[in-house]
Amino acid sequence: MGSTYKSVKVFNSFSAMEKVFGEKAIRVLRIGELKVCLAKSKDEFYAFEALCPHQKQPLSEGTLNAFNEVICPLHFYRFNLKTGAEANRLCHDLKTFPMEINDQGVFIKLY
């Protein structure tokens, strides 16, 4: 992972982001040509690539479990929302993106 990030504002405030999410929700955001998933699990938010690294299945169609993992709907691979690691090391890790929440809004740091 490189050290050069592009910080992109995705919501004007934390409360604006919370309004569009239920618990264990996954939403897709389009940032230019890039699609990024944003998920809420256990009152925390996570940003990650929209397609499974195995066979490019949309992870927005997946589910979130009690272990803070997103589960791919095609082969049920489980990816840690914080680290992107696949639970059983069956494929490449999921790319995750750091988030920053401050007085100016909610930002996703892309690289």
Protein backbone atom coordinates (compact mmCIF):
# COMPACT_ATOMS: atom_id res chain seq x y z
CA MET A 1 0.00 0.00 0.00
CA GLY A 2 1.45 3.36 -1.02
CA SER A 3 1.61 6.39 1.20
CA THR A 4 -0.09 8.70 -1.32
CA TYR A 5 -3.78 9.09 -0.61
CA LYS A 6 -6.48 11.08 -2.30
CA SER A 7 -8.98 12.12 0.37
CA VAL A 8 -12.51 12.26 -1.07
CA LYS A 9 -15.48 13.78 0.74
CA VAL A 10 -18.46 11.42 0.62
CA PHE A 11 -20.85 12.97 3.19
CA ASN A 12 -21.16 16.47 4.64
CA SER A 13 -21.38 15.12 8.19
CA PHE A 14 -21.39 11.96 10.28
CA SER A 15 -25.12 12.39 10.98
CA ALA A 16 -25.85 12.64 7.23
CA MET A 17 -24.01 9.33 6.70
CA GLU A 18 -25.84 7.64 9.59
CA LYS A 19 -29.23 8.56 8.10
CA VAL A 20 -28.68 6.30 5.07
CA PHE A 21 -27.48 3.25 7.02
CA GLY A 22 -29.18 0.59 9.07
CA GLU A 23 -27.17 -1.87 11.14
CA LYS A 24 -25.34 -4.40 8.95
CA ALA A 25 -25.94 -2.32 5.83
CA ILE A 26 -23.75 -2.13 2.71
CA ARG A 27 -24.03 0.73 0.23
CA VAL A 28 -22.13 1.42 -3.00
CA LEU A 29 -20.67 4.86 -3.60
CA ARG A 30 -19.45 6.00 -7.00
CA ILE A 31 -16.37 8.19 -6.77
CA GLY A 32 -15.57 9.21 -10.33
CA GLU A 33 -15.14 5.92 -12.19
CA LEU A 34 -14.45 3.98 -8.97
CA LYS A 35 -17.09 2.10 -7.00
CA VAL A 36 -16.48 1.72 -3.27
CA CYS A 37 -18.59 -0.11 -0.70
CA LEU A 38 -19.36 1.57 2.58
CA ALA A 39 -20.62 -0.68 5.37
CA LYS A 40 -21.90 -0.21 8.89
CA SER A 41 -21.23 -2.98 11.38
CA LYS A 42 -21.33 -2.73 15.17
CA ASP A 43 -21.76 1.07 15.01
CA GLU A 44 -18.57 1.49 12.96
CA PHE A 45 -18.18 2.37 9.30
CA TYR A 46 -15.81 0.68 6.84
CA ALA A 47 -14.86 1.40 3.22
CA PHE A 48 -13.63 -1.30 0.83
CA GLU A 49 -13.45 -2.20 -2.84
CA ALA A 50 -16.82 -2.98 -4.40
CA LEU A 51 -15.89 -6.27 -6.08
CA CYS A 52 -14.66 -9.50 -4.50
CA PRO A 53 -10.97 -10.05 -5.38
CA HIS A 54 -11.73 -13.69 -6.24
CA GLN A 55 -14.21 -13.49 -9.14
CA LYS A 56 -15.35 -9.85 -9.06
CA GLN A 57 -18.78 -10.51 -7.54
CA PRO A 58 -20.41 -7.29 -6.19
CA LEU A 59 -19.91 -7.28 -2.43
CA SER A 60 -22.91 -4.97 -2.04
CA GLU A 61 -24.96 -8.14 -2.64
CA GLY A 62 -23.14 -9.87 0.22
CA THR A 63 -23.86 -9.86 3.92
CA LEU A 64 -22.12 -8.74 7.10
CA ASN A 65 -21.64 -11.17 9.98
CA ALA A 66 -21.13 -10.79 13.74
CA PHE A 67 -17.33 -11.01 13.31
CA ASN A 68 -17.05 -7.74 11.34
CA GLU A 69 -16.65 -9.56 8.04
CA VAL A 70 -18.27 -9.04 4.66
CA ILE A 71 -19.29 -12.33 3.04
CA CYS A 72 -19.17 -12.67 -0.74
CA PRO A 73 -22.49 -13.98 -2.09
CA LEU A 74 -20.84 -16.19 -4.73
CA HIS A 75 -18.44 -18.46 -2.83
CA PHE A 76 -19.00 -17.16 0.73
CA TYR A 77 -15.44 -15.95 1.20
CA ARG A 78 -15.22 -13.86 4.39
CA PHE A 79 -13.20 -10.63 4.46
CA ASN A 80 -12.28 -8.71 7.61
CA LEU A 81 -13.73 -5.20 7.36
CA LYS A 82 -10.72 -3.59 9.08
CA THR A 83 -7.83 -5.42 7.45
CA GLY A 84 -9.36 -6.91 4.28
CA ALA A 85 -7.88 -10.33 5.12
CA GLU A 86 -9.81 -13.33 3.79
CA ALA A 87 -10.61 -15.60 6.75
CA ASN A 88 -9.37 -18.86 5.21
CA ARG A 89 -6.69 -17.44 2.89
CA LEU A 90 -8.53 -18.77 -0.16
CA CYS A 91 -7.88 -15.69 -2.29
CA HIS A 92 -6.25 -12.26 -2.28
CA ASP A 93 -7.19 -9.87 0.50
CA LEU A 94 -9.86 -7.26 -0.04
CA LYS A 95 -8.61 -3.71 -0.52
CA THR A 96 -9.83 -1.49 2.34
CA PHE A 97 -9.77 2.31 2.51
CA PRO A 98 -9.17 4.42 5.62
CA MET A 99 -11.94 6.80 6.59
CA GLU A 100 -11.71 10.15 8.32
CA ILE A 101 -14.61 11.86 10.06
CA ASN A 102 -14.18 15.47 11.16
CA ASP A 103 -16.01 18.81 11.29
CA GLN A 104 -15.76 19.19 7.50
CA GLY A 105 -17.46 15.86 6.77
CA VAL A 106 -16.77 12.20 6.05
CA PHE A 107 -13.80 11.36 3.84
CA ILE A 108 -12.52 8.14 2.27
CA LYS A 109 -8.79 7.98 1.60
CA LEU A 110 -8.22 6.35 -1.78
CA TYR A 111 -4.87 5.11 -3.07
